[in-house]
Amino acid sequence: NAEDHYADQSDVVASPPFVVIPPKQKQLIRLIRTAPPPAAGENAYRIILDQLPPTDGDSAKESAGLQLQMRYVLPL
């Protein structure tokens, strides 16, 4: 019915599963398939990335206005 249904899965995992990336830095994250591919058809996955606002006092003082948590949902 053209609705998205998200569920926990263990067919694809990220390495490392959780990482803190400092501002203006890069981090390589590998996506690893742990299950064999389907015999017929295909499976669809999405990667969900959360960008959390800074929690330390110095960063919060430097930014004026709202601090938002951003969520990116990307097809894999």
N, C-alpha and C. Protein backbone atom coordinates (compact mmCIF):
# COMPACT_ATOMS: atom_id res chain seq x y z
N ASN A 1 0.82 -1.20 0.00
CA ASN A 1 0.00 0.00 0.00
C ASN A 1 0.86 1.25 0.00
N ALA A 2 2.06 1.17 -0.54
CA ALA A 2 2.98 2.30 -0.63
C ALA A 2 3.34 2.87 0.74
N GLU A 3 3.42 2.01 1.76
CA GLU A 3 3.80 2.44 3.10
C GLU A 3 5.15 1.83 3.44
N ASP A 4 5.96 2.59 4.16
CA ASP A 4 7.25 2.07 4.62
C ASP A 4 7.05 1.35 5.94
N HIS A 5 7.68 0.18 6.05
CA HIS A 5 7.66 -0.59 7.29
C HIS A 5 9.11 -0.89 7.66
N TYR A 6 9.56 -0.34 8.77
CA TYR A 6 10.93 -0.54 9.22
C TYR A 6 10.94 -1.59 10.32
N ALA A 7 11.94 -2.47 10.28
CA ALA A 7 12.08 -3.51 11.30
C ALA A 7 13.57 -3.74 11.54
N ASP A 8 13.90 -4.12 12.75
CA ASP A 8 15.29 -4.47 13.04
C ASP A 8 15.67 -5.70 12.22
N GLN A 9 16.92 -5.74 11.82
CA GLN A 9 17.40 -6.87 11.03
C GLN A 9 18.86 -7.11 11.38
N SER A 10 19.38 -8.25 10.99
CA SER A 10 20.79 -8.54 11.21
C SER A 10 21.45 -9.05 9.92
N ASP A 11 20.81 -8.85 8.78
CA ASP A 11 21.38 -9.28 7.50
C ASP A 11 22.52 -8.37 7.06
N VAL A 12 22.44 -7.10 7.39
CA VAL A 12 23.47 -6.12 7.05
C VAL A 12 23.82 -5.38 8.34
N VAL A 13 25.12 -5.31 8.64
CA VAL A 13 25.56 -4.61 9.85
C VAL A 13 26.63 -3.58 9.48
N ALA A 14 26.77 -2.57 10.30
CA ALA A 14 27.77 -1.53 10.09
C ALA A 14 28.97 -1.80 10.99
N SER A 15 30.15 -1.46 10.48
CA SER A 15 31.37 -1.61 11.27
C SER A 15 32.18 -0.32 11.13
N PRO A 16 32.33 0.44 12.19
CA PRO A 16 31.84 0.27 13.54
C PRO A 16 30.35 0.61 13.65
N PRO A 17 29.64 -0.01 14.60
CA PRO A 17 28.19 0.23 14.69
C PRO A 17 27.84 1.61 15.24
N PHE A 18 28.74 2.23 15.99
CA PHE A 18 28.49 3.55 16.56
C PHE A 18 29.81 4.31 16.53
N VAL A 19 29.76 5.56 16.09
CA VAL A 19 31.00 6.34 16.00
C VAL A 19 30.68 7.81 16.21
N VAL A 20 31.60 8.51 16.84
CA VAL A 20 31.50 9.96 17.00
C VAL A 20 32.51 10.56 16.02
N ILE A 21 32.03 11.40 15.12
CA ILE A 21 32.89 12.02 14.12
C ILE A 21 33.02 13.50 14.46
N PRO A 22 34.23 13.97 14.76
CA PRO A 22 34.42 15.39 15.07
C PRO A 22 34.07 16.26 13.86
N PRO A 23 33.73 17.54 14.09
CA PRO A 23 33.41 18.44 12.98
C PRO A 23 34.53 18.49 11.95
N LYS A 24 34.15 18.53 10.69
CA LYS A 24 35.06 18.64 9.54
C LYS A 24 36.02 17.46 9.43
N GLN A 25 35.66 16.32 9.98
CA GLN A 25 36.46 15.10 9.88
C GLN A 25 35.69 14.05 9.09
N LYS A 26 36.35 12.99 8.71
CA LYS A 26 35.73 11.90 7.96
C LYS A 26 35.90 10.60 8.71
N GLN A 27 35.00 9.66 8.46
CA GLN A 27 35.08 8.34 9.07
C GLN A 27 34.57 7.32 8.06
N LEU A 28 35.35 6.30 7.80
CA LEU A 28 34.93 5.21 6.92
C LEU A 28 34.09 4.22 7.72
N ILE A 29 32.92 3.91 7.20
CA ILE A 29 32.04 2.92 7.83
C ILE A 29 31.74 1.86 6.79
N ARG A 30 31.99 0.62 7.14
CA ARG A 30 31.74 -0.48 6.21
C ARG A 30 30.40 -1.11 6.51
N LEU A 31 29.66 -1.44 5.45
CA LEU A 31 28.41 -2.17 5.58
C LEU A 31 28.67 -3.60 5.13
N ILE A 32 28.38 -4.54 6.01
CA ILE A 32 28.74 -5.94 5.78
C ILE A 32 27.47 -6.78 5.75
N ARG A 33 27.33 -7.56 4.70
CA ARG A 33 26.19 -8.48 4.59
C ARG A 33 26.55 -9.77 5.32
N THR A 34 25.75 -10.13 6.32
CA THR A 34 26.02 -11.33 7.12
C THR A 34 25.17 -12.52 6.69
N ALA A 35 24.15 -12.27 5.90
CA ALA A 35 23.27 -13.34 5.45
C ALA A 35 23.52 -13.60 3.96
N PRO A 36 23.27 -14.82 3.50
CA PRO A 36 23.43 -15.08 2.06
C PRO A 36 22.38 -14.32 1.26
N PRO A 37 22.68 -14.01 0.00
CA PRO A 37 21.68 -13.32 -0.83
C PRO A 37 20.45 -14.19 -1.04
N PRO A 38 19.30 -13.58 -1.26
CA PRO A 38 18.08 -14.38 -1.46
C PRO A 38 18.18 -15.21 -2.74
N ALA A 39 17.55 -16.39 -2.72
CA ALA A 39 17.59 -17.27 -3.89
C ALA A 39 16.86 -16.65 -5.07
N ALA A 40 15.77 -15.96 -4.80
CA ALA A 40 15.01 -15.30 -5.86
C ALA A 40 14.59 -13.92 -5.37
N GLY A 41 14.53 -12.97 -6.28
CA GLY A 41 14.09 -11.62 -5.91
C GLY A 41 15.20 -10.85 -5.24
N GLU A 42 14.81 -9.84 -4.49
CA GLU A 42 15.78 -8.99 -3.81
C GLU A 42 15.21 -8.52 -2.49
N ASN A 43 16.08 -8.10 -1.62
CA ASN A 43 15.69 -7.51 -0.34
C ASN A 43 16.05 -6.03 -0.38
N ALA A 44 15.23 -5.21 0.22
CA ALA A 44 15.48 -3.77 0.28
C ALA A 44 15.87 -3.40 1.71
N TYR A 45 16.90 -2.58 1.83
CA TYR A 45 17.37 -2.13 3.14
C TYR A 45 17.52 -0.62 3.11
N ARG A 46 17.47 -0.03 4.29
CA ARG A 46 17.74 1.40 4.45
C ARG A 46 18.69 1.57 5.62
N ILE A 47 19.56 2.54 5.47
CA ILE A 47 20.50 2.89 6.53
C ILE A 47 19.96 4.13 7.22
N ILE A 48 19.91 4.10 8.53
CA ILE A 48 19.42 5.24 9.29
C ILE A 48 20.60 5.85 10.05
N LEU A 49 20.88 7.12 9.74
CA LEU A 49 21.96 7.86 10.39
C LEU A 49 21.37 8.97 11.23
N ASP A 50 21.78 9.07 12.48
CA ASP A 50 21.34 10.14 13.36
C ASP A 50 22.49 11.09 13.62
N GLN A 51 22.26 12.38 13.40
CA GLN A 51 23.23 13.42 13.72
C GLN A 51 22.73 14.11 14.97
N LEU A 52 23.43 13.90 16.06
CA LEU A 52 23.00 14.45 17.35
C LEU A 52 23.61 15.82 17.58
N PRO A 53 22.88 16.73 18.22
CA PRO A 53 23.45 18.05 18.53
C PRO A 53 24.50 17.91 19.61
N PRO A 54 25.44 18.85 19.67
CA PRO A 54 26.49 18.77 20.71
C PRO A 54 25.87 18.90 22.10
N THR A 55 26.45 18.20 23.06
CA THR A 55 25.92 18.24 24.43
C THR A 55 26.86 18.95 25.38
N ASP A 56 28.09 19.21 24.95
CA ASP A 56 29.01 19.91 25.85
C ASP A 56 28.69 21.41 25.87
N GLY A 57 29.00 22.06 26.95
CA GLY A 57 28.63 23.45 27.15
C GLY A 57 29.25 24.42 26.17
N ASP A 58 30.52 24.20 25.78
CA ASP A 58 31.21 25.13 24.89
C ASP A 58 30.56 25.18 23.52
N SER A 59 30.26 24.02 22.95
CA SER A 59 29.66 23.98 21.61
C SER A 59 28.25 24.56 21.62
N ALA A 60 27.52 24.30 22.69
CA ALA A 60 26.15 24.82 22.79
C ALA A 60 26.16 26.34 22.89
N LYS A 61 27.16 26.93 23.57
CA LYS A 61 27.24 28.37 23.71
C LYS A 61 27.61 29.05 22.40
N GLU A 62 28.43 28.38 21.57
CA GLU A 62 28.88 28.97 20.32
C GLU A 62 27.79 29.07 19.28
N SER A 63 26.82 28.16 19.31
CA SER A 63 25.77 28.17 18.29
C SER A 63 24.55 28.90 18.82
N ALA A 64 24.05 29.80 18.00
CA ALA A 64 22.85 30.55 18.38
C ALA A 64 21.65 29.90 17.70
N GLY A 65 20.53 29.90 18.37
CA GLY A 65 19.32 29.37 17.77
C GLY A 65 19.03 27.95 18.20
N LEU A 66 18.30 27.25 17.34
CA LEU A 66 17.87 25.89 17.64
C LEU A 66 18.98 24.88 17.43
N GLN A 67 18.95 23.83 18.22
CA GLN A 67 19.84 22.69 18.02
C GLN A 67 18.94 21.50 17.73
N LEU A 68 19.10 20.93 16.54
CA LEU A 68 18.21 19.87 16.09
C LEU A 68 18.95 18.56 15.94
N GLN A 69 18.23 17.48 16.18
CA GLN A 69 18.74 16.16 15.84
C GLN A 69 18.30 15.87 14.41
N MET A 70 19.25 15.54 13.56
CA MET A 70 18.93 15.25 12.16
C MET A 70 18.94 13.73 11.96
N ARG A 71 18.01 13.23 11.18
CA ARG A 71 17.96 11.81 10.85
C ARG A 71 17.95 11.68 9.32
N TYR A 72 18.87 10.86 8.82
CA TYR A 72 18.98 10.59 7.40
C TYR A 72 18.61 9.13 7.18
N VAL A 73 17.68 8.87 6.28
CA VAL A 73 17.27 7.51 5.93
C VAL A 73 17.65 7.30 4.47
N LEU A 74 18.66 6.46 4.25
CA LEU A 74 19.23 6.26 2.92
C LEU A 74 18.98 4.85 2.42
N PRO A 75 18.59 4.71 1.15
CA PRO A 75 18.42 3.35 0.61
C PRO A 75 19.78 2.68 0.43
N LEU A 76 19.82 1.39 0.64
CA LEU A 76 21.05 0.63 0.45
C LEU A 76 20.87 -0.26 -0.77
